[in-house]
C-alpha cells in the first residue's frame, strides 16, 4: 500500500513516473499527482489512477519537486 514517484534528470530534461496502489486509488490518482509534480519541473503529464508519466524542461528543479511529493499527496488526502 502506497504511492511511489520516481524522477530522472537526463539530457536537459526531467522525467517522472507515479504509481498508486489499488487500495488507495479511491482517494489518490497517479495522474493528478504526477501533473502537480511536473509543474515544478516546468512540464506536464498525466495518466491513469494507478500509473502516470510526465516530463519537464527544468531538471535542476527535480530534487525539490520530488521532496514536494509528500505535501502534494497530503493535499489530495486533505
N, C-alpha and C. Protein backbone atom coordinates (compact mmCIF):
# COMPACT_ATOMS: atom_id res chain seq x y z
N UNK A 1 0.84 -1.17 0.00
CA UNK A 1 0.00 0.00 0.00
C UNK A 1 0.88 1.23 0.00
N UNK A 2 0.70 2.10 -1.01
CA UNK A 2 1.49 3.31 -1.01
C UNK A 2 1.48 4.05 -2.33
N UNK A 3 2.27 5.11 -2.33
CA UNK A 3 2.46 5.96 -3.50
C UNK A 3 3.95 6.03 -3.78
N UNK A 4 4.33 5.87 -5.04
CA UNK A 4 5.74 5.98 -5.43
C UNK A 4 5.83 6.98 -6.57
N UNK A 5 6.75 7.94 -6.43
CA UNK A 5 7.06 8.88 -7.51
C UNK A 5 8.55 8.83 -7.72
N UNK A 6 8.97 8.52 -8.94
CA UNK A 6 10.38 8.45 -9.30
C UNK A 6 10.69 9.53 -10.32
N UNK A 7 11.91 10.06 -10.24
CA UNK A 7 12.32 11.08 -11.19
C UNK A 7 13.72 10.84 -11.70
N UNK A 8 13.97 11.30 -12.92
CA UNK A 8 15.26 11.17 -13.56
C UNK A 8 15.57 12.44 -14.33
N UNK A 9 16.78 12.94 -14.16
CA UNK A 9 17.25 14.09 -14.94
C UNK A 9 18.26 13.58 -15.96
N UNK A 10 17.99 13.83 -17.24
CA UNK A 10 18.85 13.36 -18.31
C UNK A 10 18.64 14.21 -19.55
N UNK A 11 19.73 14.53 -20.24
CA UNK A 11 19.66 15.28 -21.49
C UNK A 11 18.86 16.58 -21.34
N UNK A 12 19.12 17.31 -20.27
CA UNK A 12 18.45 18.59 -20.00
C UNK A 12 16.93 18.48 -19.90
N UNK A 13 16.44 17.32 -19.47
CA UNK A 13 15.02 17.08 -19.27
C UNK A 13 14.81 16.33 -17.97
N UNK A 14 13.63 16.48 -17.42
CA UNK A 14 13.23 15.72 -16.24
C UNK A 14 12.14 14.75 -16.66
N UNK A 15 12.23 13.52 -16.19
CA UNK A 15 11.20 12.51 -16.44
C UNK A 15 10.67 12.02 -15.10
N UNK A 16 9.37 11.81 -15.04
CA UNK A 16 8.73 11.39 -13.80
C UNK A 16 7.76 10.24 -14.07
N UNK A 17 7.63 9.36 -13.11
CA UNK A 17 6.58 8.34 -13.12
C UNK A 17 5.97 8.30 -11.72
N UNK A 18 4.69 8.00 -11.66
CA UNK A 18 3.99 7.87 -10.38
C UNK A 18 3.13 6.62 -10.41
N UNK A 19 3.08 5.94 -9.27
CA UNK A 19 2.27 4.74 -9.11
C UNK A 19 1.50 4.84 -7.80
N UNK A 20 0.23 4.48 -7.84
CA UNK A 20 -0.60 4.46 -6.64
C UNK A 20 -1.17 3.04 -6.51
N UNK A 21 -1.02 2.45 -5.34
CA UNK A 21 -1.52 1.08 -5.14
C UNK A 21 -3.05 1.06 -5.19
N UNK A 22 -3.59 -0.09 -5.53
CA UNK A 22 -5.02 -0.25 -5.74
C UNK A 22 -5.88 0.18 -4.58
N UNK A 23 -5.44 -0.09 -3.36
CA UNK A 23 -6.25 0.24 -2.19
C UNK A 23 -6.36 1.74 -1.94
N UNK A 24 -5.50 2.54 -2.56
CA UNK A 24 -5.53 3.99 -2.35
C UNK A 24 -6.15 4.76 -3.51
N UNK A 25 -6.51 4.08 -4.57
CA UNK A 25 -6.97 4.76 -5.77
C UNK A 25 -8.34 5.44 -5.61
N UNK A 26 -9.07 5.11 -4.58
CA UNK A 26 -10.32 5.84 -4.35
C UNK A 26 -10.05 7.22 -3.79
N UNK A 27 -8.86 7.43 -3.22
CA UNK A 27 -8.51 8.72 -2.61
C UNK A 27 -7.40 9.46 -3.36
N UNK A 28 -6.57 8.72 -4.09
CA UNK A 28 -5.43 9.31 -4.78
C UNK A 28 -5.40 8.87 -6.24
N UNK A 29 -4.92 9.75 -7.09
CA UNK A 29 -4.86 9.49 -8.53
C UNK A 29 -3.45 9.79 -9.01
N UNK A 30 -2.76 8.79 -9.55
CA UNK A 30 -1.38 8.96 -10.00
C UNK A 30 -1.26 10.06 -11.05
N UNK A 31 -2.24 10.16 -11.95
CA UNK A 31 -2.21 11.18 -12.98
C UNK A 31 -2.24 12.58 -12.42
N UNK A 32 -3.07 12.81 -11.42
CA UNK A 32 -3.17 14.13 -10.80
C UNK A 32 -1.91 14.44 -9.99
N UNK A 33 -1.37 13.44 -9.32
CA UNK A 33 -0.14 13.65 -8.53
C UNK A 33 1.01 14.01 -9.45
N UNK A 34 1.23 13.24 -10.51
CA UNK A 34 2.38 13.49 -11.37
C UNK A 34 2.23 14.82 -12.12
N UNK A 35 1.01 15.22 -12.41
CA UNK A 35 0.80 16.51 -13.06
C UNK A 35 1.27 17.66 -12.17
N UNK A 36 0.93 17.59 -10.88
CA UNK A 36 1.36 18.62 -9.92
C UNK A 36 2.88 18.64 -9.78
N UNK A 37 3.49 17.47 -9.69
CA UNK A 37 4.95 17.39 -9.55
C UNK A 37 5.61 17.91 -10.82
N UNK A 38 5.07 17.59 -11.98
CA UNK A 38 5.64 18.02 -13.25
C UNK A 38 5.62 19.55 -13.39
N UNK A 39 4.63 20.20 -12.85
CA UNK A 39 4.57 21.65 -12.89
C UNK A 39 5.82 22.27 -12.25
N UNK A 40 6.37 21.60 -11.25
CA UNK A 40 7.55 22.10 -10.53
C UNK A 40 8.83 21.96 -11.33
N UNK A 41 8.81 21.14 -12.37
CA UNK A 41 9.98 20.99 -13.25
C UNK A 41 9.69 21.58 -14.63
N UNK A 42 8.69 22.44 -14.70
CA UNK A 42 8.38 23.11 -15.95
C UNK A 42 7.78 22.21 -17.01
N UNK A 43 6.93 21.30 -16.58
CA UNK A 43 6.36 20.37 -17.55
C UNK A 43 4.93 20.03 -17.27
N UNK A 44 4.51 18.92 -17.86
CA UNK A 44 3.15 18.45 -17.72
C UNK A 44 3.14 16.93 -17.86
N UNK A 45 2.03 16.36 -17.49
CA UNK A 45 1.91 14.92 -17.62
C UNK A 45 0.54 14.47 -17.19
N UNK A 46 0.38 13.18 -17.12
CA UNK A 46 -0.89 12.61 -16.70
C UNK A 46 -0.90 11.12 -16.94
N UNK A 47 -2.04 10.54 -16.69
CA UNK A 47 -2.16 9.10 -16.88
C UNK A 47 -3.37 8.56 -16.16
N UNK A 48 -3.28 7.31 -15.83
CA UNK A 48 -4.37 6.60 -15.18
C UNK A 48 -4.30 6.79 -13.66
N UNK A 49 -5.34 6.37 -12.94
CA UNK A 49 -5.29 6.45 -11.48
C UNK A 49 -4.17 5.62 -10.86
N UNK A 50 -3.75 4.54 -11.54
CA UNK A 50 -2.73 3.67 -10.97
C UNK A 50 -1.31 3.97 -11.46
N UNK A 51 -1.17 4.55 -12.65
CA UNK A 51 0.16 4.79 -13.22
C UNK A 51 0.13 6.02 -14.12
N UNK A 52 1.14 6.87 -13.99
CA UNK A 52 1.19 8.07 -14.82
C UNK A 52 2.63 8.47 -15.09
N UNK A 53 2.83 9.23 -16.17
CA UNK A 53 4.15 9.70 -16.57
C UNK A 53 4.10 11.19 -16.86
N UNK A 54 5.27 11.84 -16.72
CA UNK A 54 5.36 13.27 -17.01
C UNK A 54 6.78 13.61 -17.39
N UNK A 55 6.93 14.80 -17.93
CA UNK A 55 8.26 15.30 -18.28
C UNK A 55 8.30 16.80 -18.07
N UNK A 56 9.52 17.32 -17.98
CA UNK A 56 9.69 18.75 -17.80
C UNK A 56 11.01 19.22 -18.37
N UNK A 57 11.11 20.51 -18.56
CA UNK A 57 12.31 21.08 -19.17
C UNK A 57 13.26 21.74 -18.18
N UNK A 58 12.99 21.61 -16.88
CA UNK A 58 13.85 22.19 -15.85
C UNK A 58 14.35 21.12 -14.88
N UNK A 59 15.28 20.27 -15.33
CA UNK A 59 15.73 19.18 -14.46
C UNK A 59 16.43 19.66 -13.20
N UNK A 60 16.90 20.89 -13.18
CA UNK A 60 17.56 21.42 -11.98
C UNK A 60 16.58 21.54 -10.81
N UNK A 61 15.29 21.50 -11.08
CA UNK A 61 14.27 21.59 -10.02
C UNK A 61 13.78 20.22 -9.56
N UNK A 62 14.37 19.15 -10.09
CA UNK A 62 13.86 17.81 -9.82
C UNK A 62 13.93 17.43 -8.35
N UNK A 63 15.03 17.71 -7.67
CA UNK A 63 15.15 17.35 -6.26
C UNK A 63 14.05 18.00 -5.42
N UNK A 64 13.84 19.29 -5.64
CA UNK A 64 12.78 19.99 -4.91
C UNK A 64 11.40 19.46 -5.24
N UNK A 65 11.18 19.11 -6.51
CA UNK A 65 9.89 18.58 -6.92
C UNK A 65 9.61 17.24 -6.24
N UNK A 66 10.62 16.39 -6.16
CA UNK A 66 10.44 15.09 -5.50
C UNK A 66 10.21 15.26 -4.00
N UNK A 67 10.86 16.23 -3.40
CA UNK A 67 10.62 16.49 -1.97
C UNK A 67 9.21 17.02 -1.73
N UNK A 68 8.64 17.68 -2.72
CA UNK A 68 7.29 18.23 -2.59
C UNK A 68 6.20 17.16 -2.69
N UNK A 69 6.56 15.95 -3.10
CA UNK A 69 5.56 14.88 -3.26
C UNK A 69 4.81 14.64 -1.95
N UNK A 70 5.48 14.67 -0.83
CA UNK A 70 4.82 14.44 0.46
C UNK A 70 3.69 15.44 0.67
N UNK A 71 3.96 16.71 0.42
CA UNK A 71 2.94 17.75 0.60
C UNK A 71 1.84 17.65 -0.44
N UNK A 72 2.18 17.28 -1.66
CA UNK A 72 1.18 17.12 -2.71
C UNK A 72 0.21 15.99 -2.37
N UNK A 73 0.74 14.87 -1.92
CA UNK A 73 -0.12 13.75 -1.53
C UNK A 73 -0.98 14.14 -0.34
N UNK A 74 -0.41 14.82 0.64
CA UNK A 74 -1.17 15.25 1.82
C UNK A 74 -2.29 16.21 1.40
N UNK A 75 -2.01 17.07 0.43
CA UNK A 75 -3.03 17.99 -0.07
C UNK A 75 -4.22 17.23 -0.67
N UNK A 76 -3.93 16.20 -1.45
CA UNK A 76 -5.00 15.40 -2.04
C UNK A 76 -5.78 14.61 -0.98
N UNK A 77 -5.10 14.19 0.07
CA UNK A 77 -5.78 13.45 1.14
C UNK A 77 -6.61 14.37 2.02
N UNK A 78 -6.20 15.68 2.03
CA UNK A 78 -6.87 16.77 2.73
C UNK A 78 -7.89 16.38 3.68
